[in-house]
Amino acid sequence: MRAERRYALIVFDWDGTLIDSAATIVECIQAAARDMALPVPGRERASHVIGLGLHDSLRHAVPALPPEQYAEFAELYRRHFVAREDAMQLFPGVPELLGRLVGRGHRLALATGKSRRGLERALQASGLGPYFAASRCGDETRPKPHPAMLLELMRELATEAQAALMIGDTSHDLQMARSAGVDALGVAYGAHPAAALRALAPRHCVESVDELSRWLEANA
């Protein structure tokens, strides 16, 4: 174990960062829109909302949907997602990366727009649950890009902002980190393009899990 770590706490997003699910989420948003005879959002519009809270997501992705039908849309989306869930895979190298980080003495946490029920199901299926000391979900606190998830995780794990790092694949992750006063690292292999991530001035932006692992080895 290294004697000193720059980041005692490393917080990961889930969808599009650790698991290859961004395309599936887009497909499920589009399928739910078809089910309700709504204009089907294009891939860019649908992928932009990944990680946001329910109301923010639907206002952007399906603006023609009346708010009183948000719950119906969400249930249709959930059904499509659960039907595809078993086909989604972790990005190659993710379990090994998490194991190395824990072995070096970092504490790991999750900040995700998923529901608590959805995250627990995903952690059980992937076997990654034991790596994480804490987590926050979109249905139990203020959703991204509000800083609540990070602030609550830092408080729970007794970590100062300067000792925490947020890693995510969307501008919402990086905006959340900025608002919380936390360094951020963008991953450009998920939902949002590299240009959108770099516009928020993260410490770095990586193109693969291998590059992420190398950066963390050298800088975390």
C-alpha atoms as a PDB file:
ATOM      1  CA  MET A   1       0.000   0.000   0.000  1.00  0.00           C
ATOM      2  CA  ARG A   2       1.293   3.462  -0.800  1.00  0.00           C
ATOM      3  CA  ALA A   3       2.068   5.596   2.231  1.00  0.00           C
ATOM      4  CA  GLU A   4       0.185   8.612   0.902  1.00  0.00           C
ATOM      5  CA  ARG A   5      -2.873   8.996  -1.295  1.00  0.00           C
ATOM      6  CA  ARG A   6      -4.070  12.199  -2.867  1.00  0.00           C
ATOM      7  CA  TYR A   7      -7.658  10.939  -2.819  1.00  0.00           C
ATOM      8  CA  ALA A   8      -8.802   8.978   0.203  1.00  0.00           C
ATOM      9  CA  LEU A   9     -12.284   8.678  -1.350  1.00  0.00           C
ATOM     10  CA  ILE A  10     -13.008   7.868  -4.998  1.00  0.00           C
ATOM     11  CA  VAL A  11     -16.671   8.142  -6.015  1.00  0.00           C
ATOM     12  CA  PHE A  12     -17.871   6.449  -9.188  1.00  0.00           C
ATOM     13  CA  ASP A  13     -20.958   6.916 -11.276  1.00  0.00           C
ATOM     14  CA  TRP A  14     -22.509   3.572 -12.293  1.00  0.00           C
ATOM     15  CA  ASP A  15     -24.240   3.617 -15.707  1.00  0.00           C
ATOM     16  CA  GLY A  16     -21.826   4.405 -18.521  1.00  0.00           C
ATOM     17  CA  THR A  17     -18.848   4.528 -16.167  1.00  0.00           C
ATOM     18  CA  LEU A  18     -18.573   1.041 -14.677  1.00  0.00           C
ATOM     19  CA  ILE A  19     -21.194  -0.788 -16.752  1.00  0.00           C
ATOM     20  CA  ASP A  20     -21.823  -0.524 -20.496  1.00  0.00           C
ATOM     21  CA  SER A  21     -25.456   0.577 -20.257  1.00  0.00           C
ATOM     22  CA  ALA A  22     -25.748   3.985 -21.934  1.00  0.00           C
ATOM     23  CA  ALA A  23     -27.013   2.619 -25.260  1.00  0.00           C
ATOM     24  CA  THR A  24     -29.552   0.424 -23.454  1.00  0.00           C
ATOM     25  CA  ILE A  25     -30.864   3.372 -21.442  1.00  0.00           C
ATOM     26  CA  VAL A  26     -31.351   5.339 -24.669  1.00  0.00           C
ATOM     27  CA  GLU A  27     -33.213   2.407 -26.252  1.00  0.00           C
ATOM     28  CA  CYS A  28     -35.510   2.134 -23.217  1.00  0.00           C
ATOM     29  CA  ILE A  29     -36.333   5.847 -23.222  1.00  0.00           C
ATOM     30  CA  GLN A  30     -37.156   5.610 -26.916  1.00  0.00           C
ATOM     31  CA  ALA A  31     -39.243   2.453 -26.437  1.00  0.00           C
ATOM     32  CA  ALA A  32     -41.283   4.032 -23.631  1.00  0.00           C
ATOM     33  CA  ALA A  33     -41.929   7.079 -25.810  1.00  0.00           C
ATOM     34  CA  ARG A  34     -43.227   4.803 -28.580  1.00  0.00           C
ATOM     35  CA  ASP A  35     -45.441   2.976 -26.091  1.00  0.00           C
ATOM     36  CA  MET A  36     -47.091   6.277 -25.190  1.00  0.00           C
ATOM     37  CA  ALA A  37     -47.308   7.512 -28.801  1.00  0.00           C
ATOM     38  CA  LEU A  38     -44.944  10.389 -28.038  1.00  0.00           C
ATOM     39  CA  PRO A  39     -42.294  11.872 -30.349  1.00  0.00           C
ATOM     40  CA  VAL A  40     -39.291   9.558 -30.005  1.00  0.00           C
ATOM     41  CA  PRO A  41     -36.171  11.447 -28.904  1.00  0.00           C
ATOM     42  CA  GLY A  42     -32.986  11.008 -30.890  1.00  0.00           C
ATOM     43  CA  ARG A  43     -29.956   9.350 -29.397  1.00  0.00           C
ATOM     44  CA  GLU A  44     -28.210  12.610 -28.462  1.00  0.00           C
ATOM     45  CA  ARG A  45     -31.252  14.001 -26.647  1.00  0.00           C
ATOM     46  CA  ALA A  46     -31.942  10.733 -24.855  1.00  0.00           C
ATOM     47  CA  SER A  47     -28.334  10.150 -23.824  1.00  0.00           C
ATOM     48  CA  HIS A  48     -28.003  13.687 -22.488  1.00  0.00           C
ATOM     49  CA  VAL A  49     -30.440  12.944 -19.645  1.00  0.00           C
ATOM     50  CA  ILE A  50     -28.646   9.851 -18.325  1.00  0.00           C
ATOM     51  CA  GLY A  51     -27.946  10.399 -14.649  1.00  0.00           C
ATOM     52  CA  LEU A  52     -30.474  13.188 -14.111  1.00  0.00           C
ATOM     53  CA  GLY A  53     -33.478  12.944 -11.817  1.00  0.00           C
ATOM     54  CA  LEU A  54     -36.779  11.709 -13.235  1.00  0.00           C
ATOM     55  CA  HIS A  55     -38.470  15.071 -13.732  1.00  0.00           C
ATOM     56  CA  ASP A  56     -35.420  16.754 -15.253  1.00  0.00           C
ATOM     57  CA  SER A  57     -34.883  13.770 -17.549  1.00  0.00           C
ATOM     58  CA  LEU A  58     -38.423  13.694 -18.863  1.00  0.00           C
ATOM     59  CA  ARG A  59     -38.695  17.450 -19.304  1.00  0.00           C
ATOM     60  CA  HIS A  60     -35.710  17.294 -21.631  1.00  0.00           C
ATOM     61  CA  ALA A  61     -36.098  13.917 -23.346  1.00  0.00           C
ATOM     62  CA  VAL A  62     -39.875  13.906 -23.912  1.00  0.00           C
ATOM     63  CA  PRO A  63     -41.071  17.507 -23.543  1.00  0.00           C
ATOM     64  CA  ALA A  64     -44.507  16.618 -24.938  1.00  0.00           C
ATOM     65  CA  LEU A  65     -45.186  14.348 -21.943  1.00  0.00           C
ATOM     66  CA  PRO A  66     -47.572  15.953 -19.395  1.00  0.00           C
ATOM     67  CA  PRO A  67     -46.186  15.862 -15.836  1.00  0.00           C
ATOM     68  CA  GLU A  68     -49.196  13.876 -14.638  1.00  0.00           C
ATOM     69  CA  GLN A  69     -48.007  11.017 -16.905  1.00  0.00           C
ATOM     70  CA  TYR A  70     -44.400  10.947 -15.652  1.00  0.00           C
ATOM     71  CA  ALA A  71     -45.083   7.973 -13.377  1.00  0.00           C
ATOM     72  CA  GLU A  72     -46.607   5.986 -16.246  1.00  0.00           C
ATOM     73  CA  PHE A  73     -43.618   6.723 -18.478  1.00  0.00           C
ATOM     74  CA  ALA A  74     -41.193   5.779 -15.703  1.00  0.00           C
ATOM     75  CA  GLU A  75     -42.905   2.424 -15.204  1.00  0.00           C
ATOM     76  CA  LEU A  76     -42.792   1.649 -18.933  1.00  0.00           C
ATOM     77  CA  TYR A  77     -39.105   2.612 -19.017  1.00  0.00           C
ATOM     78  CA  ARG A  78     -38.419   0.384 -16.003  1.00  0.00           C
ATOM     79  CA  ARG A  79     -40.060  -2.610 -17.674  1.00  0.00           C
ATOM     80  CA  HIS A  80     -37.982  -2.176 -20.820  1.00  0.00           C
ATOM     81  CA  PHE A  81     -34.805  -1.735 -18.775  1.00  0.00           C
ATOM     82  CA  VAL A  82     -35.361  -4.781 -16.556  1.00  0.00           C
ATOM     83  CA  ALA A  83     -36.031  -6.887 -19.657  1.00  0.00           C
ATOM     84  CA  ARG A  84     -32.602  -5.913 -21.013  1.00  0.00           C
ATOM     85  CA  GLU A  85     -30.717  -5.843 -17.713  1.00  0.00           C
ATOM     86  CA  ASP A  86     -29.167  -9.302 -17.913  1.00  0.00           C
ATOM     87  CA  ALA A  87     -27.554  -8.471 -21.262  1.00  0.00           C
ATOM     88  CA  MET A  88     -25.554  -5.523 -19.914  1.00  0.00           C
ATOM     89  CA  GLN A  89     -21.913  -6.099 -19.048  1.00  0.00           C
ATOM     90  CA  LEU A  90     -19.314  -4.356 -16.933  1.00  0.00           C
ATOM     91  CA  PHE A  91     -16.681  -2.590 -18.988  1.00  0.00           C
ATOM     92  CA  PRO A  92     -13.649  -4.888 -19.303  1.00  0.00           C
ATOM     93  CA  GLY A  93     -11.182  -4.380 -16.472  1.00  0.00           C
ATOM     94  CA  VAL A  94     -13.612  -2.781 -14.003  1.00  0.00           C
ATOM     95  CA  PRO A  95     -13.473  -5.465 -11.250  1.00  0.00           C
ATOM     96  CA  GLU A  96      -9.688  -5.550 -11.412  1.00  0.00           C
ATOM     97  CA  LEU A  97      -9.490  -1.753 -11.232  1.00  0.00           C
ATOM     98  CA  LEU A  98     -11.738  -1.574  -8.178  1.00  0.00           C
ATOM     99  CA  GLY A  99      -9.776  -4.337  -6.491  1.00  0.00           C
ATOM    100  CA  ARG A 100      -6.490  -2.500  -7.024  1.00  0.00           C
ATOM    101  CA  LEU A 101      -7.911   0.754  -5.654  1.00  0.00           C
ATOM    102  CA  VAL A 102      -9.215  -0.914  -2.500  1.00  0.00           C
ATOM    103  CA  GLY A 103      -5.910  -2.736  -2.150  1.00  0.00           C
ATOM    104  CA  ARG A 104      -4.073   0.582  -2.233  1.00  0.00           C
ATOM    105  CA  GLY A 105      -6.190   1.878   0.623  1.00  0.00           C
ATOM    106  CA  HIS A 106      -8.737   4.040  -1.172  1.00  0.00           C
ATOM    107  CA  ARG A 107     -12.347   4.018  -0.019  1.00  0.00           C
ATOM    108  CA  LEU A 108     -14.810   3.726  -2.878  1.00  0.00           C
ATOM    109  CA  ALA A 109     -18.398   4.956  -3.164  1.00  0.00           C
ATOM    110  CA  LEU A 110     -21.145   5.247  -5.778  1.00  0.00           C
ATOM    111  CA  ALA A 111     -23.221   8.283  -6.776  1.00  0.00           C
ATOM    112  CA  THR A 112     -25.835   7.231  -9.311  1.00  0.00           C
ATOM    113  CA  GLY A 113     -29.105   8.341 -10.812  1.00  0.00           C
ATOM    114  CA  LYS A 114     -30.388   4.778 -10.473  1.00  0.00           C
ATOM    115  CA  SER A 115     -33.056   3.948  -7.930  1.00  0.00           C
ATOM    116  CA  ARG A 116     -31.913   2.197  -4.764  1.00  0.00           C
ATOM    117  CA  ARG A 117     -33.759  -0.935  -5.861  1.00  0.00           C
ATOM    118  CA  GLY A 118     -32.083  -0.810  -9.270  1.00  0.00           C
ATOM    119  CA  LEU A 119     -28.618  -0.285  -7.804  1.00  0.00           C
ATOM    120  CA  GLU A 120     -28.954  -3.130  -5.321  1.00  0.00           C
ATOM    121  CA  ARG A 121     -30.060  -5.422  -8.139  1.00  0.00           C
ATOM    122  CA  ALA A 122     -27.090  -4.321 -10.263  1.00  0.00           C
ATOM    123  CA  LEU A 123     -24.571  -4.752  -7.441  1.00  0.00           C
ATOM    124  CA  GLN A 124     -25.833  -8.234  -6.691  1.00  0.00           C
ATOM    125  CA  ALA A 125     -25.708  -9.278 -10.347  1.00  0.00           C
ATOM    126  CA  SER A 126     -22.227  -7.830 -10.897  1.00  0.00           C
ATOM    127  CA  GLY A 127     -20.707  -8.935  -7.596  1.00  0.00           C
ATOM    128  CA  LEU A 128     -19.194  -5.461  -7.066  1.00  0.00           C
ATOM    129  CA  GLY A 129     -21.061  -4.563  -3.891  1.00  0.00           C
ATOM    130  CA  PRO A 130     -18.232  -5.417  -1.452  1.00  0.00           C
ATOM    131  CA  TYR A 131     -15.922  -2.852  -3.050  1.00  0.00           C
ATOM    132  CA  PHE A 132     -18.067   0.137  -2.045  1.00  0.00           C
ATOM    133  CA  ALA A 133     -18.167   1.676   1.417  1.00  0.00           C
ATOM    134  CA  ALA A 134     -21.269   3.768   0.681  1.00  0.00           C
ATOM    135  CA  SER A 135     -23.634   4.834  -2.090  1.00  0.00           C
ATOM    136  CA  ARG A 136     -26.297   7.390  -2.935  1.00  0.00           C
ATOM    137  CA  CYS A 137     -29.115   6.957  -5.451  1.00  0.00           C
ATOM    138  CA  GLY A 138     -31.320   9.315  -7.395  1.00  0.00           C
ATOM    139  CA  ASP A 139     -34.461   8.421  -5.468  1.00  0.00           C
ATOM    140  CA  GLU A 140     -33.099   9.057  -1.964  1.00  0.00           C
ATOM    141  CA  THR A 141     -31.552  12.536  -2.176  1.00  0.00           C
ATOM    142  CA  ARG A 142     -31.318  15.503  -4.552  1.00  0.00           C
ATOM    143  CA  PRO A 143     -30.407  14.168  -8.018  1.00  0.00           C
ATOM    144  CA  LYS A 144     -27.452  15.247 -10.155  1.00  0.00           C
ATOM    145  CA  PRO A 145     -26.174  17.812 -10.907  1.00  0.00           C
ATOM    146  CA  HIS A 146     -27.052  18.991  -7.381  1.00  0.00           C
ATOM    147  CA  PRO A 147     -24.058  18.293  -5.075  1.00  0.00           C
ATOM    148  CA  ALA A 148     -26.130  16.505  -2.392  1.00  0.00           C
ATOM    149  CA  MET A 149     -24.931  12.992  -3.278  1.00  0.00           C
ATOM    150  CA  LEU A 150     -21.275  13.917  -2.917  1.00  0.00           C
ATOM    151  CA  LEU A 151     -21.797  16.074   0.152  1.00  0.00           C
ATOM    152  CA  GLU A 152     -23.676  13.265   1.894  1.00  0.00           C
ATOM    153  CA  LEU A 153     -21.076  10.650   0.939  1.00  0.00           C
ATOM    154  CA  MET A 154     -18.223  12.823   2.188  1.00  0.00           C
ATOM    155  CA  ARG A 155     -20.051  13.445   5.443  1.00  0.00           C
ATOM    156  CA  GLU A 156     -20.835   9.745   5.924  1.00  0.00           C
ATOM    157  CA  LEU A 157     -17.252   8.707   5.207  1.00  0.00           C
ATOM    158  CA  ALA A 158     -15.638  11.627   7.069  1.00  0.00           C
ATOM    159  CA  THR A 159     -13.761  12.903   4.017  1.00  0.00           C
ATOM    160  CA  GLU A 160     -12.872  16.493   3.151  1.00  0.00           C
ATOM    161  CA  ALA A 161     -13.595  17.753  -0.363  1.00  0.00           C
ATOM    162  CA  GLN A 162      -9.919  18.047  -1.266  1.00  0.00           C
ATOM    163  CA  ALA A 163      -9.451  14.327  -0.533  1.00  0.00           C
ATOM    164  CA  ALA A 164     -12.309  13.173  -2.797  1.00  0.00           C
ATOM    165  CA  LEU A 165     -12.469  12.462  -6.540  1.00  0.00           C
ATOM    166  CA  MET A 166     -15.618  12.012  -8.660  1.00  0.00           C
ATOM    167  CA  ILE A 167     -15.429   9.824 -11.784  1.00  0.00           C
ATOM    168  CA  GLY A 168     -18.263   9.890 -14.294  1.00  0.00           C
ATOM    169  CA  ASP A 169     -19.280   9.814 -17.944  1.00  0.00           C
ATOM    170  CA  THR A 170     -21.698  12.769 -18.041  1.00  0.00           C
ATOM    171  CA  SER A 171     -21.561  16.512 -17.653  1.00  0.00           C
ATOM    172  CA  HIS A 172     -24.033  16.077 -14.760  1.00  0.00           C
ATOM    173  CA  ASP A 173     -21.375  14.115 -12.839  1.00  0.00           C
ATOM    174  CA  LEU A 174     -18.780  16.807 -13.429  1.00  0.00           C
ATOM    175  CA  GLN A 175     -21.165  19.654 -12.569  1.00  0.00           C
ATOM    176  CA  MET A 176     -22.058  17.863  -9.340  1.00  0.00           C
ATOM    177  CA  ALA A 177     -18.378  17.566  -8.467  1.00  0.00           C
ATOM    178  CA  ARG A 178     -17.720  21.217  -9.232  1.00  0.00           C
ATOM    179  CA  SER A 179     -20.633  22.311  -7.030  1.00  0.00           C
ATOM    180  CA  ALA A 180     -19.346  20.110  -4.199  1.00  0.00           C
ATOM    181  CA  GLY A 181     -15.803  21.469  -4.503  1.00  0.00           C
ATOM    182  CA  VAL A 182     -14.496  18.045  -5.516  1.00  0.00           C
ATOM    183  CA  ASP A 183     -12.008  17.164  -8.269  1.00  0.00           C
ATOM    184  CA  ALA A 184     -13.501  15.298 -11.208  1.00  0.00           C
ATOM    185  CA  LEU A 185     -12.327  12.866 -13.855  1.00  0.00           C
ATOM    186  CA  GLY A 186     -14.341  12.395 -17.033  1.00  0.00           C
ATOM    187  CA  VAL A 187     -14.681   9.098 -18.884  1.00  0.00           C
ATOM    188  CA  ALA A 188     -15.488   9.551 -22.566  1.00  0.00           C
ATOM    189  CA  TYR A 189     -16.553   5.965 -23.304  1.00  0.00           C
ATOM    190  CA  GLY A 190     -20.067   6.378 -21.824  1.00  0.00           C
ATOM    191  CA  ALA A 191     -23.029   8.676 -22.471  1.00  0.00           C
ATOM    192  CA  HIS A 192     -21.566  12.129 -23.130  1.00  0.00           C
ATOM    193  CA  PRO A 193     -18.918  13.047 -25.719  1.00  0.00           C
ATOM    194  CA  ALA A 194     -15.428  14.052 -24.660  1.00  0.00           C
ATOM    195  CA  ALA A 195     -15.918  17.672 -25.761  1.00  0.00           C
ATOM    196  CA  ALA A 196     -18.879  18.107 -23.396  1.00  0.00           C
ATOM    197  CA  LEU A 197     -16.850  16.648 -20.524  1.00  0.00           C
ATOM    198  CA  ARG A 198     -13.725  18.700 -21.216  1.00  0.00           C
ATOM    199  CA  ALA A 199     -15.835  21.874 -21.319  1.00  0.00           C
ATOM    200  CA  LEU A 200     -16.318  21.439 -17.563  1.00  0.00           C
ATOM    201  CA  ALA A 201     -12.549  21.335 -16.935  1.00  0.00           C
ATOM    202  CA  PRO A 202     -12.116  17.988 -15.155  1.00  0.00           C
ATOM    203  CA  ARG A 203      -8.610  17.077 -14.051  1.00  0.00           C
ATOM    204  CA  HIS A 204      -8.438  14.730 -17.027  1.00  0.00           C
ATOM    205  CA  CYS A 205     -10.659  12.898 -19.495  1.00  0.00           C
ATOM    206  CA  VAL A 206      -9.958   9.259 -20.375  1.00  0.00           C
ATOM    207  CA  GLU A 207     -11.061   7.121 -23.311  1.00  0.00           C
ATOM    208  CA  SER A 208     -10.979   3.629 -21.753  1.00  0.00           C
ATOM    209  CA  VAL A 209     -10.882   1.730 -18.474  1.00  0.00           C
ATOM    210  CA  ASP A 210      -7.218   0.936 -19.146  1.00  0.00           C
ATOM    211  CA  GLU A 211      -6.432   4.641 -19.441  1.00  0.00           C
ATOM    212  CA  LEU A 212      -8.497   5.307 -16.317  1.00  0.00           C
ATOM    213  CA  SER A 213      -6.510   2.715 -14.413  1.00  0.00           C
ATOM    214  CA  ARG A 214      -3.183   4.207 -15.519  1.00  0.00           C
ATOM    215  CA  TRP A 215      -4.263   7.729 -14.601  1.00  0.00           C
ATOM    216  CA  LEU A 216      -5.416   6.667 -11.152  1.00  0.00           C
ATOM    217  CA  GLU A 217      -2.194   4.744 -10.555  1.00  0.00           C
ATOM    218  CA  ALA A 218      -0.173   7.847 -11.354  1.00  0.00           C
ATOM    219  CA  ASN A 219      -2.361  10.550  -9.841  1.00  0.00           C
ATOM    220  CA  ALA A 220      -4.689   9.221  -7.137  1.00  0.00           C
END
